[in-house]
């Protein structure tokens, strides 16, 4: 079963899948701790590694379902 899919569309990165949708829905992105937890979860799932394979750099836009974030390598945990 595929947990997530990562694609590069033009200069944006799209992360989709039922598990990503669930975590986006459950995360309050106005709360730093909740956002930090979201980053740790997607990293553990392998999303960050998949993004890097596609050439993501700090400052690139990444869409996790309908949530837009700016990739930042300093957020590595």
C-alpha atoms as a PDB file:
ATOM      1  CA  UNK A   1       0.000   0.000   0.000  1.00  0.00           C
ATOM      2  CA  UNK A   2       1.334   3.412  -0.980  1.00  0.00           C
ATOM      3  CA  UNK A   3       1.474   5.785   1.998  1.00  0.00           C
ATOM      4  CA  UNK A   4       2.205   8.905  -0.043  1.00  0.00           C
ATOM      5  CA  UNK A   5       3.246  10.129  -3.479  1.00  0.00           C
ATOM      6  CA  UNK A   6       5.719  12.927  -4.199  1.00  0.00           C
ATOM      7  CA  UNK A   7       5.790  14.677  -7.574  1.00  0.00           C
ATOM      8  CA  UNK A   8       7.505  17.721  -8.998  1.00  0.00           C
ATOM      9  CA  UNK A   9       5.183  19.894 -11.076  1.00  0.00           C
ATOM     10  CA  UNK A  10       6.997  22.824 -12.691  1.00  0.00           C
ATOM     11  CA  UNK A  11       8.954  24.239  -9.741  1.00  0.00           C
ATOM     12  CA  UNK A  12       6.589  23.015  -7.032  1.00  0.00           C
ATOM     13  CA  UNK A  13       6.531  19.790  -5.097  1.00  0.00           C
ATOM     14  CA  UNK A  14       3.284  17.949  -4.420  1.00  0.00           C
ATOM     15  CA  UNK A  15       2.913  15.422  -1.612  1.00  0.00           C
ATOM     16  CA  UNK A  16      -0.363  13.509  -1.696  1.00  0.00           C
ATOM     17  CA  UNK A  17      -1.942  10.396  -0.281  1.00  0.00           C
ATOM     18  CA  UNK A  18      -4.447   9.308   2.342  1.00  0.00           C
ATOM     19  CA  UNK A  19      -1.934   9.359   5.193  1.00  0.00           C
ATOM     20  CA  UNK A  20      -0.708  12.859   4.285  1.00  0.00           C
ATOM     21  CA  UNK A  21      -4.316  14.058   4.058  1.00  0.00           C
ATOM     22  CA  UNK A  22      -5.002  12.627   7.528  1.00  0.00           C
ATOM     23  CA  UNK A  23      -1.983  14.345   9.140  1.00  0.00           C
ATOM     24  CA  UNK A  24      -2.730  17.688   7.437  1.00  0.00           C
ATOM     25  CA  UNK A  25      -6.326  17.521   8.701  1.00  0.00           C
ATOM     26  CA  UNK A  26      -5.160  16.708  12.238  1.00  0.00           C
ATOM     27  CA  UNK A  27      -2.493  19.429  12.457  1.00  0.00           C
ATOM     28  CA  UNK A  28      -3.048  22.971  13.725  1.00  0.00           C
ATOM     29  CA  UNK A  29      -0.426  24.801  11.650  1.00  0.00           C
ATOM     30  CA  UNK A  30      -0.844  27.950  13.781  1.00  0.00           C
ATOM     31  CA  UNK A  31       0.733  26.004  16.643  1.00  0.00           C
ATOM     32  CA  UNK A  32       4.523  25.649  16.476  1.00  0.00           C
ATOM     33  CA  UNK A  33       4.639  22.341  18.386  1.00  0.00           C
ATOM     34  CA  UNK A  34       1.931  20.816  16.188  1.00  0.00           C
ATOM     35  CA  UNK A  35       3.721  21.968  13.034  1.00  0.00           C
ATOM     36  CA  UNK A  36       7.012  20.588  14.348  1.00  0.00           C
ATOM     37  CA  UNK A  37       5.306  17.255  15.017  1.00  0.00           C
ATOM     38  CA  UNK A  38       3.934  17.237  11.447  1.00  0.00           C
ATOM     39  CA  UNK A  39       7.473  17.735  10.078  1.00  0.00           C
ATOM     40  CA  UNK A  40       8.803  14.896  12.241  1.00  0.00           C
ATOM     41  CA  UNK A  41       6.017  12.570  11.074  1.00  0.00           C
ATOM     42  CA  UNK A  42       6.516  13.235   7.354  1.00  0.00           C
ATOM     43  CA  UNK A  43      10.263  12.906   7.766  1.00  0.00           C
ATOM     44  CA  UNK A  44       9.848   9.537   9.502  1.00  0.00           C
ATOM     45  CA  UNK A  45       7.512   8.424   6.699  1.00  0.00           C
ATOM     46  CA  UNK A  46      10.260   9.155   4.144  1.00  0.00           C
ATOM     47  CA  UNK A  47       8.656  12.226   2.554  1.00  0.00           C
ATOM     48  CA  UNK A  48      11.720  14.453   3.069  1.00  0.00           C
ATOM     49  CA  UNK A  49      14.004  11.825   1.523  1.00  0.00           C
ATOM     50  CA  UNK A  50      11.661  11.515  -1.475  1.00  0.00           C
ATOM     51  CA  UNK A  51      11.558  15.311  -1.869  1.00  0.00           C
ATOM     52  CA  UNK A  52      15.349  15.472  -1.818  1.00  0.00           C
ATOM     53  CA  UNK A  53      15.542  12.803  -4.534  1.00  0.00           C
ATOM     54  CA  UNK A  54      13.473  15.153  -6.691  1.00  0.00           C
ATOM     55  CA  UNK A  55      15.857  18.030  -5.934  1.00  0.00           C
ATOM     56  CA  UNK A  56      13.976  20.089  -3.336  1.00  0.00           C
ATOM     57  CA  UNK A  57      15.948  23.028  -1.925  1.00  0.00           C
ATOM     58  CA  UNK A  58      15.399  25.448   0.960  1.00  0.00           C
ATOM     59  CA  UNK A  59      12.811  28.003  -0.126  1.00  0.00           C
ATOM     60  CA  UNK A  60      10.952  25.679  -2.529  1.00  0.00           C
ATOM     61  CA  UNK A  61       7.172  25.443  -2.177  1.00  0.00           C
ATOM     62  CA  UNK A  62       5.890  22.058  -1.067  1.00  0.00           C
ATOM     63  CA  UNK A  63       2.175  21.251  -1.060  1.00  0.00           C
ATOM     64  CA  UNK A  64       1.103  18.551   1.364  1.00  0.00           C
ATOM     65  CA  UNK A  65      -2.406  17.990   0.024  1.00  0.00           C
ATOM     66  CA  UNK A  66      -3.881  21.505   0.356  1.00  0.00           C
ATOM     67  CA  UNK A  67      -1.353  22.833   2.898  1.00  0.00           C
ATOM     68  CA  UNK A  68       1.463  24.915   1.428  1.00  0.00           C
ATOM     69  CA  UNK A  69       4.800  24.977   3.196  1.00  0.00           C
ATOM     70  CA  UNK A  70       8.210  26.331   2.309  1.00  0.00           C
ATOM     71  CA  UNK A  71      10.907  23.700   2.474  1.00  0.00           C
ATOM     72  CA  UNK A  72      13.667  24.522   4.929  1.00  0.00           C
ATOM     73  CA  UNK A  73      16.599  22.157   5.380  1.00  0.00           C
ATOM     74  CA  UNK A  74      17.327  23.691   8.785  1.00  0.00           C
ATOM     75  CA  UNK A  75      14.097  22.063  10.043  1.00  0.00           C
ATOM     76  CA  UNK A  76      15.786  18.687   9.821  1.00  0.00           C
ATOM     77  CA  UNK A  77      15.136  16.707  12.976  1.00  0.00           C
END
